[in-house]
Amino acid sequence: GVLPPLTPDRFAEDFIAGHLRQPQAAELLGELLSDRQTGPAATRQCLIMLAAAARHPAARAALFELLTAGPQLAIHATPPVLRVVIDHASPALAAAVQGALPRYSTELLRPARDLAQHLLDTLPPDPPAEQRASQLTWLGVRLAEAGDKRAALDPTREATGIYRRLAAAEPAAYLPDLARALNNLGVRLSEVGDERAALDTAREATGIYRR
């Protein structure tokens, strides 16, 4: 806080990564961040430094260990943190981070969209239908939030189609998901100016919720 910080500070990044190679260093870092006296600003700065040092495997491993133990730390994530997750994290960890991100953050609009696209692209060749539908829904929401409202229509439509087929086979299990998907689709249609189609979709969703 006395001297202006170096940006980027490669010496500090290498120094931190070197220390994280020591036994129990990552565990100690987790304990420090779990201390109630560690506020959001310090947590955010920690994630920023780990992401900046993530060219070192030790720093990357420490970052992923923290996020695995506490995915809720993702509420303090910055775009570089999400880039490290996209480029190096396992699909399970990337999905956990996606679920813990703030519902809306101006800073993360594009990184959250990129994470949603990455998770869709890395699904197994024949994933469970509900898993694909869920990720398509995420992508539609994140595309719309990032301003690409027309592109958001296609994944939202596909998700709705999947939930419609699932609901036809197992109504009790999937009708609520279909109603939510229809609601999303209605919003997306309205955003691109197709108000009549949006109204029909909203009516269908309302009918399901009414029952």
C-alpha atoms as a PDB file:
ATOM      1  CA  GLY A   1       0.000   0.000   0.000  1.00  0.00           C
ATOM      2  CA  VAL A   2       3.014   2.332   0.100  1.00  0.00           C
ATOM      3  CA  LEU A   3       4.522   1.938  -3.339  1.00  0.00           C
ATOM      4  CA  PRO A   4       2.490   1.799  -6.568  1.00  0.00           C
ATOM      5  CA  PRO A   5       2.099  -1.860  -7.549  1.00  0.00           C
ATOM      6  CA  LEU A   6       3.945  -3.329 -10.488  1.00  0.00           C
ATOM      7  CA  THR A   7       1.531  -4.458 -13.188  1.00  0.00           C
ATOM      8  CA  PRO A   8       2.101  -7.220 -14.068  1.00  0.00           C
ATOM      9  CA  ASP A   9       4.274  -8.190 -11.122  1.00  0.00           C
ATOM     10  CA  ARG A  10       6.084 -11.253 -12.460  1.00  0.00           C
ATOM     11  CA  PHE A  11       8.495 -11.321  -9.506  1.00  0.00           C
ATOM     12  CA  ALA A  12       5.648 -11.619  -7.014  1.00  0.00           C
ATOM     13  CA  GLU A  13       3.894 -14.247  -9.132  1.00  0.00           C
ATOM     14  CA  ASP A  14       7.058 -16.389  -9.336  1.00  0.00           C
ATOM     15  CA  PHE A  15       7.689 -15.867  -5.612  1.00  0.00           C
ATOM     16  CA  ILE A  16       4.167 -17.015  -4.702  1.00  0.00           C
ATOM     17  CA  ALA A  17       4.319 -20.014  -7.039  1.00  0.00           C
ATOM     18  CA  GLY A  18       7.659 -21.017  -5.544  1.00  0.00           C
ATOM     19  CA  HIS A  19       6.241 -21.000  -2.028  1.00  0.00           C
ATOM     20  CA  LEU A  20       3.146 -22.923  -3.113  1.00  0.00           C
ATOM     21  CA  ARG A  21       5.406 -25.841  -3.998  1.00  0.00           C
ATOM     22  CA  GLN A  22       6.176 -26.258  -0.287  1.00  0.00           C
ATOM     23  CA  PRO A  23       4.335 -29.009   1.642  1.00  0.00           C
ATOM     24  CA  GLN A  24       0.999 -27.926   3.102  1.00  0.00           C
ATOM     25  CA  ALA A  25       1.252 -24.478   1.467  1.00  0.00           C
ATOM     26  CA  ALA A  26      -2.014 -24.829  -0.459  1.00  0.00           C
ATOM     27  CA  GLU A  27      -3.727 -26.214   2.656  1.00  0.00           C
ATOM     28  CA  LEU A  28      -2.541 -23.208   4.671  1.00  0.00           C
ATOM     29  CA  LEU A  29      -3.832 -20.887   1.969  1.00  0.00           C
ATOM     30  CA  GLY A  30      -7.249 -22.526   2.229  1.00  0.00           C
ATOM     31  CA  GLU A  31      -7.243 -22.033   6.008  1.00  0.00           C
ATOM     32  CA  LEU A  32      -6.340 -18.362   5.612  1.00  0.00           C
ATOM     33  CA  LEU A  33      -9.194 -17.775   3.183  1.00  0.00           C
ATOM     34  CA  SER A  34     -11.667 -19.596   5.428  1.00  0.00           C
ATOM     35  CA  ASP A  35     -10.814 -17.224   8.302  1.00  0.00           C
ATOM     36  CA  ARG A  36     -13.787 -14.978   8.969  1.00  0.00           C
ATOM     37  CA  GLN A  37     -11.455 -12.013   9.241  1.00  0.00           C
ATOM     38  CA  THR A  38     -10.440 -12.417   5.590  1.00  0.00           C
ATOM     39  CA  GLY A  39     -12.744 -10.063   3.750  1.00  0.00           C
ATOM     40  CA  PRO A  40     -13.960 -10.062   0.142  1.00  0.00           C
ATOM     41  CA  ALA A  41     -11.227  -7.676  -1.033  1.00  0.00           C
ATOM     42  CA  ALA A  42      -8.448  -9.943   0.246  1.00  0.00           C
ATOM     43  CA  THR A  43     -10.132 -13.034  -1.201  1.00  0.00           C
ATOM     44  CA  ARG A  44     -10.492 -11.354  -4.576  1.00  0.00           C
ATOM     45  CA  GLN A  45      -6.848 -10.250  -4.524  1.00  0.00           C
ATOM     46  CA  CYS A  46      -5.775 -13.796  -3.681  1.00  0.00           C
ATOM     47  CA  LEU A  47      -7.686 -15.217  -6.659  1.00  0.00           C
ATOM     48  CA  ILE A  48      -6.262 -12.489  -8.918  1.00  0.00           C
ATOM     49  CA  MET A  49      -2.699 -13.352  -7.900  1.00  0.00           C
ATOM     50  CA  LEU A  50      -3.216 -17.096  -8.269  1.00  0.00           C
ATOM     51  CA  ALA A  51      -4.696 -16.606 -11.738  1.00  0.00           C
ATOM     52  CA  ALA A  52      -1.808 -14.345 -12.713  1.00  0.00           C
ATOM     53  CA  ALA A  53       0.669 -16.965 -11.476  1.00  0.00           C
ATOM     54  CA  ALA A  54      -1.239 -19.864 -13.040  1.00  0.00           C
ATOM     55  CA  ARG A  55       1.451 -20.394 -15.678  1.00  0.00           C
ATOM     56  CA  HIS A  56       3.116 -22.245 -12.786  1.00  0.00           C
ATOM     57  CA  PRO A  57       1.479 -25.636 -12.093  1.00  0.00           C
ATOM     58  CA  ALA A  58       1.721 -25.100  -8.320  1.00  0.00           C
ATOM     59  CA  ALA A  59      -0.281 -21.859  -8.449  1.00  0.00           C
ATOM     60  CA  ARG A  60      -2.827 -23.379 -10.803  1.00  0.00           C
ATOM     61  CA  ALA A  61      -3.228 -26.413  -8.545  1.00  0.00           C
ATOM     62  CA  ALA A  62      -3.685 -24.163  -5.508  1.00  0.00           C
ATOM     63  CA  LEU A  63      -6.348 -22.132  -7.291  1.00  0.00           C
ATOM     64  CA  PHE A  64      -8.244 -25.252  -8.312  1.00  0.00           C
ATOM     65  CA  GLU A  65      -7.935 -26.751  -4.830  1.00  0.00           C
ATOM     66  CA  LEU A  66      -9.488 -23.612  -3.350  1.00  0.00           C
ATOM     67  CA  LEU A  67     -12.341 -23.613  -5.870  1.00  0.00           C
ATOM     68  CA  THR A  68     -12.953 -27.331  -5.387  1.00  0.00           C
ATOM     69  CA  ALA A  69     -13.157 -26.977  -1.619  1.00  0.00           C
ATOM     70  CA  GLY A  70     -15.280 -23.822  -1.838  1.00  0.00           C
ATOM     71  CA  PRO A  71     -16.916 -23.159  -5.228  1.00  0.00           C
ATOM     72  CA  GLN A  72     -18.658 -20.175  -3.613  1.00  0.00           C
ATOM     73  CA  LEU A  73     -15.309 -18.361  -3.891  1.00  0.00           C
ATOM     74  CA  ALA A  74     -16.254 -17.916  -7.549  1.00  0.00           C
ATOM     75  CA  ILE A  75     -18.421 -14.962  -6.530  1.00  0.00           C
ATOM     76  CA  HIS A  76     -15.091 -13.116  -6.188  1.00  0.00           C
ATOM     77  CA  ALA A  77     -13.775 -14.330  -9.557  1.00  0.00           C
ATOM     78  CA  THR A  78     -12.354 -12.013 -12.188  1.00  0.00           C
ATOM     79  CA  PRO A  79     -12.085 -12.581 -15.965  1.00  0.00           C
ATOM     80  CA  PRO A  80      -8.515 -13.995 -15.698  1.00  0.00           C
ATOM     81  CA  VAL A  81      -9.694 -16.509 -13.079  1.00  0.00           C
ATOM     82  CA  LEU A  82     -12.415 -17.757 -15.430  1.00  0.00           C
ATOM     83  CA  ARG A  83      -9.915 -17.941 -18.297  1.00  0.00           C
ATOM     84  CA  VAL A  84      -7.693 -20.255 -16.218  1.00  0.00           C
ATOM     85  CA  VAL A  85     -10.754 -22.374 -15.384  1.00  0.00           C
ATOM     86  CA  ILE A  86     -11.742 -22.594 -19.057  1.00  0.00           C
ATOM     87  CA  ASP A  87      -8.245 -23.465 -20.212  1.00  0.00           C
ATOM     88  CA  HIS A  88      -7.178 -25.897 -17.502  1.00  0.00           C
ATOM     89  CA  ALA A  89      -9.902 -26.997 -15.065  1.00  0.00           C
ATOM     90  CA  SER A  90     -11.735 -30.304 -15.183  1.00  0.00           C
ATOM     91  CA  PRO A  91     -15.312 -30.239 -16.520  1.00  0.00           C
ATOM     92  CA  ALA A  92     -16.639 -30.974 -13.025  1.00  0.00           C
ATOM     93  CA  LEU A  93     -14.818 -28.015 -11.485  1.00  0.00           C
ATOM     94  CA  ALA A  94     -15.737 -25.726 -14.390  1.00  0.00           C
ATOM     95  CA  ALA A  95     -19.406 -26.665 -13.929  1.00  0.00           C
ATOM     96  CA  ALA A  96     -19.192 -26.007 -10.172  1.00  0.00           C
ATOM     97  CA  VAL A  97     -17.681 -22.571 -10.839  1.00  0.00           C
ATOM     98  CA  GLN A  98     -20.404 -21.808 -13.388  1.00  0.00           C
ATOM     99  CA  GLY A  99     -23.076 -22.614 -10.819  1.00  0.00           C
ATOM    100  CA  ALA A 100     -21.465 -20.381  -8.195  1.00  0.00           C
ATOM    101  CA  LEU A 101     -20.929 -17.298 -10.361  1.00  0.00           C
ATOM    102  CA  PRO A 102     -22.956 -14.181  -9.579  1.00  0.00           C
ATOM    103  CA  ARG A 103     -26.295 -14.187 -11.359  1.00  0.00           C
ATOM    104  CA  TYR A 104     -25.272 -10.982 -13.108  1.00  0.00           C
ATOM    105  CA  SER A 105     -21.903  -9.235 -13.124  1.00  0.00           C
ATOM    106  CA  THR A 106     -20.955  -6.628 -15.706  1.00  0.00           C
ATOM    107  CA  GLU A 107     -17.296  -7.591 -15.351  1.00  0.00           C
ATOM    108  CA  LEU A 108     -18.014 -11.260 -16.054  1.00  0.00           C
ATOM    109  CA  LEU A 109     -20.560 -11.003 -18.894  1.00  0.00           C
ATOM    110  CA  ARG A 110     -18.253 -12.275 -21.622  1.00  0.00           C
ATOM    111  CA  PRO A 111     -16.146 -14.653 -19.498  1.00  0.00           C
ATOM    112  CA  ALA A 112     -19.324 -16.279 -18.136  1.00  0.00           C
ATOM    113  CA  ARG A 113     -20.615 -16.649 -21.690  1.00  0.00           C
ATOM    114  CA  ASP A 114     -17.305 -18.226 -22.747  1.00  0.00           C
ATOM    115  CA  LEU A 115     -17.425 -20.622 -19.802  1.00  0.00           C
ATOM    116  CA  ALA A 116     -20.966 -21.693 -20.701  1.00  0.00           C
ATOM    117  CA  GLN A 117     -19.936 -22.281 -24.317  1.00  0.00           C
ATOM    118  CA  HIS A 118     -16.860 -24.214 -23.203  1.00  0.00           C
ATOM    119  CA  LEU A 119     -18.920 -26.499 -20.973  1.00  0.00           C
ATOM    120  CA  LEU A 120     -21.366 -27.176 -23.797  1.00  0.00           C
ATOM    121  CA  ASP A 121     -18.536 -27.890 -26.243  1.00  0.00           C
ATOM    122  CA  THR A 122     -16.844 -30.316 -23.838  1.00  0.00           C
ATOM    123  CA  LEU A 123     -19.892 -32.398 -22.981  1.00  0.00           C
ATOM    124  CA  PRO A 124     -19.363 -36.095 -23.714  1.00  0.00           C
ATOM    125  CA  PRO A 125     -20.493 -37.242 -27.172  1.00  0.00           C
ATOM    126  CA  ASP A 126     -23.769 -38.674 -25.874  1.00  0.00           C
ATOM    127  CA  PRO A 127     -24.539 -36.906 -22.568  1.00  0.00           C
ATOM    128  CA  PRO A 128     -27.729 -37.408 -20.563  1.00  0.00           C
ATOM    129  CA  ALA A 129     -30.458 -35.337 -22.195  1.00  0.00           C
ATOM    130  CA  GLU A 130     -31.123 -33.252 -19.078  1.00  0.00           C
ATOM    131  CA  GLN A 131     -27.407 -32.404 -18.782  1.00  0.00           C
ATOM    132  CA  ARG A 132     -27.308 -31.062 -22.324  1.00  0.00           C
ATOM    133  CA  ALA A 133     -30.569 -29.185 -21.832  1.00  0.00           C
ATOM    134  CA  SER A 134     -29.281 -27.594 -18.629  1.00  0.00           C
ATOM    135  CA  GLN A 135     -26.064 -26.418 -20.293  1.00  0.00           C
ATOM    136  CA  LEU A 136     -27.964 -25.080 -23.307  1.00  0.00           C
ATOM    137  CA  THR A 137     -30.095 -23.092 -20.883  1.00  0.00           C
ATOM    138  CA  TRP A 138     -27.005 -21.649 -19.217  1.00  0.00           C
ATOM    139  CA  LEU A 139     -25.576 -20.690 -22.603  1.00  0.00           C
ATOM    140  CA  GLY A 140     -28.803 -18.990 -23.690  1.00  0.00           C
ATOM    141  CA  VAL A 141     -28.909 -16.919 -20.516  1.00  0.00           C
ATOM    142  CA  ARG A 142     -25.248 -15.915 -20.704  1.00  0.00           C
ATOM    143  CA  LEU A 143     -25.443 -15.040 -24.412  1.00  0.00           C
ATOM    144  CA  ALA A 144     -28.427 -12.799 -23.774  1.00  0.00           C
ATOM    145  CA  GLU A 145     -26.726 -11.113 -20.821  1.00  0.00           C
ATOM    146  CA  ALA A 146     -23.647 -10.468 -22.965  1.00  0.00           C
ATOM    147  CA  GLY A 147     -25.857  -8.701 -25.513  1.00  0.00           C
ATOM    148  CA  ASP A 148     -26.118 -11.387 -28.213  1.00  0.00           C
ATOM    149  CA  LYS A 149     -29.852 -11.850 -27.820  1.00  0.00           C
ATOM    150  CA  ARG A 150     -30.487 -13.358 -31.244  1.00  0.00           C
ATOM    151  CA  ALA A 151     -27.750 -15.980 -30.785  1.00  0.00           C
ATOM    152  CA  ALA A 152     -29.331 -16.839 -27.425  1.00  0.00           C
ATOM    153  CA  LEU A 153     -32.469 -18.064 -29.180  1.00  0.00           C
ATOM    154  CA  ASP A 154     -30.995 -21.235 -30.705  1.00  0.00           C
ATOM    155  CA  PRO A 155     -29.680 -22.869 -27.500  1.00  0.00           C
ATOM    156  CA  THR A 156     -32.835 -21.827 -25.640  1.00  0.00           C
ATOM    157  CA  ARG A 157     -35.033 -23.396 -28.328  1.00  0.00           C
ATOM    158  CA  GLU A 158     -32.967 -26.590 -28.297  1.00  0.00           C
ATOM    159  CA  ALA A 159     -33.174 -26.808 -24.503  1.00  0.00           C
ATOM    160  CA  THR A 160     -36.952 -26.350 -24.653  1.00  0.00           C
ATOM    161  CA  GLY A 161     -37.251 -29.125 -27.233  1.00  0.00           C
ATOM    162  CA  ILE A 162     -35.261 -31.515 -25.049  1.00  0.00           C
ATOM    163  CA  TYR A 163     -37.335 -30.731 -21.972  1.00  0.00           C
ATOM    164  CA  ARG A 164     -40.516 -31.174 -24.023  1.00  0.00           C
ATOM    165  CA  ARG A 165     -39.458 -34.700 -24.985  1.00  0.00           C
ATOM    166  CA  LEU A 166     -38.425 -35.504 -21.424  1.00  0.00           C
ATOM    167  CA  ALA A 167     -41.714 -34.161 -20.052  1.00  0.00           C
ATOM    168  CA  ALA A 168     -43.690 -36.243 -22.534  1.00  0.00           C
ATOM    169  CA  ALA A 169     -41.969 -39.364 -21.220  1.00  0.00           C
ATOM    170  CA  GLU A 170     -41.891 -38.435 -17.505  1.00  0.00           C
ATOM    171  CA  PRO A 171     -44.300 -35.563 -16.783  1.00  0.00           C
ATOM    172  CA  ALA A 172     -43.932 -35.606 -13.016  1.00  0.00           C
ATOM    173  CA  ALA A 173     -40.161 -35.284 -13.231  1.00  0.00           C
ATOM    174  CA  TYR A 174     -39.759 -32.824 -16.094  1.00  0.00           C
ATOM    175  CA  LEU A 175     -42.865 -30.638 -16.478  1.00  0.00           C
ATOM    176  CA  PRO A 176     -41.404 -28.012 -14.101  1.00  0.00           C
ATOM    177  CA  ASP A 177     -38.227 -27.933 -16.196  1.00  0.00           C
ATOM    178  CA  LEU A 178     -40.307 -27.545 -19.356  1.00  0.00           C
ATOM    179  CA  ALA A 179     -42.224 -24.647 -17.811  1.00  0.00           C
ATOM    180  CA  ARG A 180     -38.980 -22.885 -16.887  1.00  0.00           C
ATOM    181  CA  ALA A 181     -37.568 -23.513 -20.367  1.00  0.00           C
ATOM    182  CA  LEU A 182     -40.703 -22.107 -21.977  1.00  0.00           C
ATOM    183  CA  ASN A 183     -40.481 -19.064 -19.743  1.00  0.00           C
ATOM    184  CA  ASN A 184     -36.862 -18.529 -20.813  1.00  0.00           C
ATOM    185  CA  LEU A 185     -37.800 -18.965 -24.443  1.00  0.00           C
ATOM    186  CA  GLY A 186     -40.595 -16.425 -24.102  1.00  0.00           C
ATOM    187  CA  VAL A 187     -38.149 -13.889 -22.689  1.00  0.00           C
ATOM    188  CA  ARG A 188     -35.650 -14.531 -25.474  1.00  0.00           C
ATOM    189  CA  LEU A 189     -38.369 -14.190 -28.154  1.00  0.00           C
ATOM    190  CA  SER A 190     -39.567 -10.961 -26.629  1.00  0.00           C
ATOM    191  CA  GLU A 191     -36.033  -9.572 -26.572  1.00  0.00           C
ATOM    192  CA  VAL A 192     -35.702  -9.996 -30.337  1.00  0.00           C
ATOM    193  CA  GLY A 193     -39.111  -8.461 -31.021  1.00  0.00           C
ATOM    194  CA  ASP A 194     -41.152 -11.609 -31.739  1.00  0.00           C
ATOM    195  CA  GLU A 195     -43.831 -10.645 -29.237  1.00  0.00           C
ATOM    196  CA  ARG A 196     -46.632 -12.842 -30.585  1.00  0.00           C
ATOM    197  CA  ALA A 197     -44.509 -15.994 -30.360  1.00  0.00           C
ATOM    198  CA  ALA A 198     -43.333 -14.887 -26.921  1.00  0.00           C
ATOM    199  CA  LEU A 199     -46.953 -14.560 -25.791  1.00  0.00           C
ATOM    200  CA  ASP A 200     -47.843 -18.063 -27.000  1.00  0.00           C
ATOM    201  CA  THR A 201     -44.823 -19.510 -25.216  1.00  0.00           C
ATOM    202  CA  ALA A 202     -45.604 -17.635 -22.009  1.00  0.00           C
ATOM    203  CA  ARG A 203     -49.200 -18.889 -22.128  1.00  0.00           C
ATOM    204  CA  GLU A 204     -48.008 -22.483 -22.440  1.00  0.00           C
ATOM    205  CA  ALA A 205     -45.640 -22.037 -19.508  1.00  0.00           C
ATOM    206  CA  THR A 206     -48.426 -20.450 -17.445  1.00  0.00           C
ATOM    207  CA  GLY A 207     -50.741 -23.373 -18.204  1.00  0.00           C
ATOM    208  CA  ILE A 208     -48.153 -25.838 -16.926  1.00  0.00           C
ATOM    209  CA  TYR A 209     -47.550 -23.808 -13.770  1.00  0.00           C
ATOM    210  CA  ARG A 210     -51.316 -23.522 -13.205  1.00  0.00           C
ATOM    211  CA  ARG A 211     -51.691 -27.295 -13.235  1.00  0.00           C
END
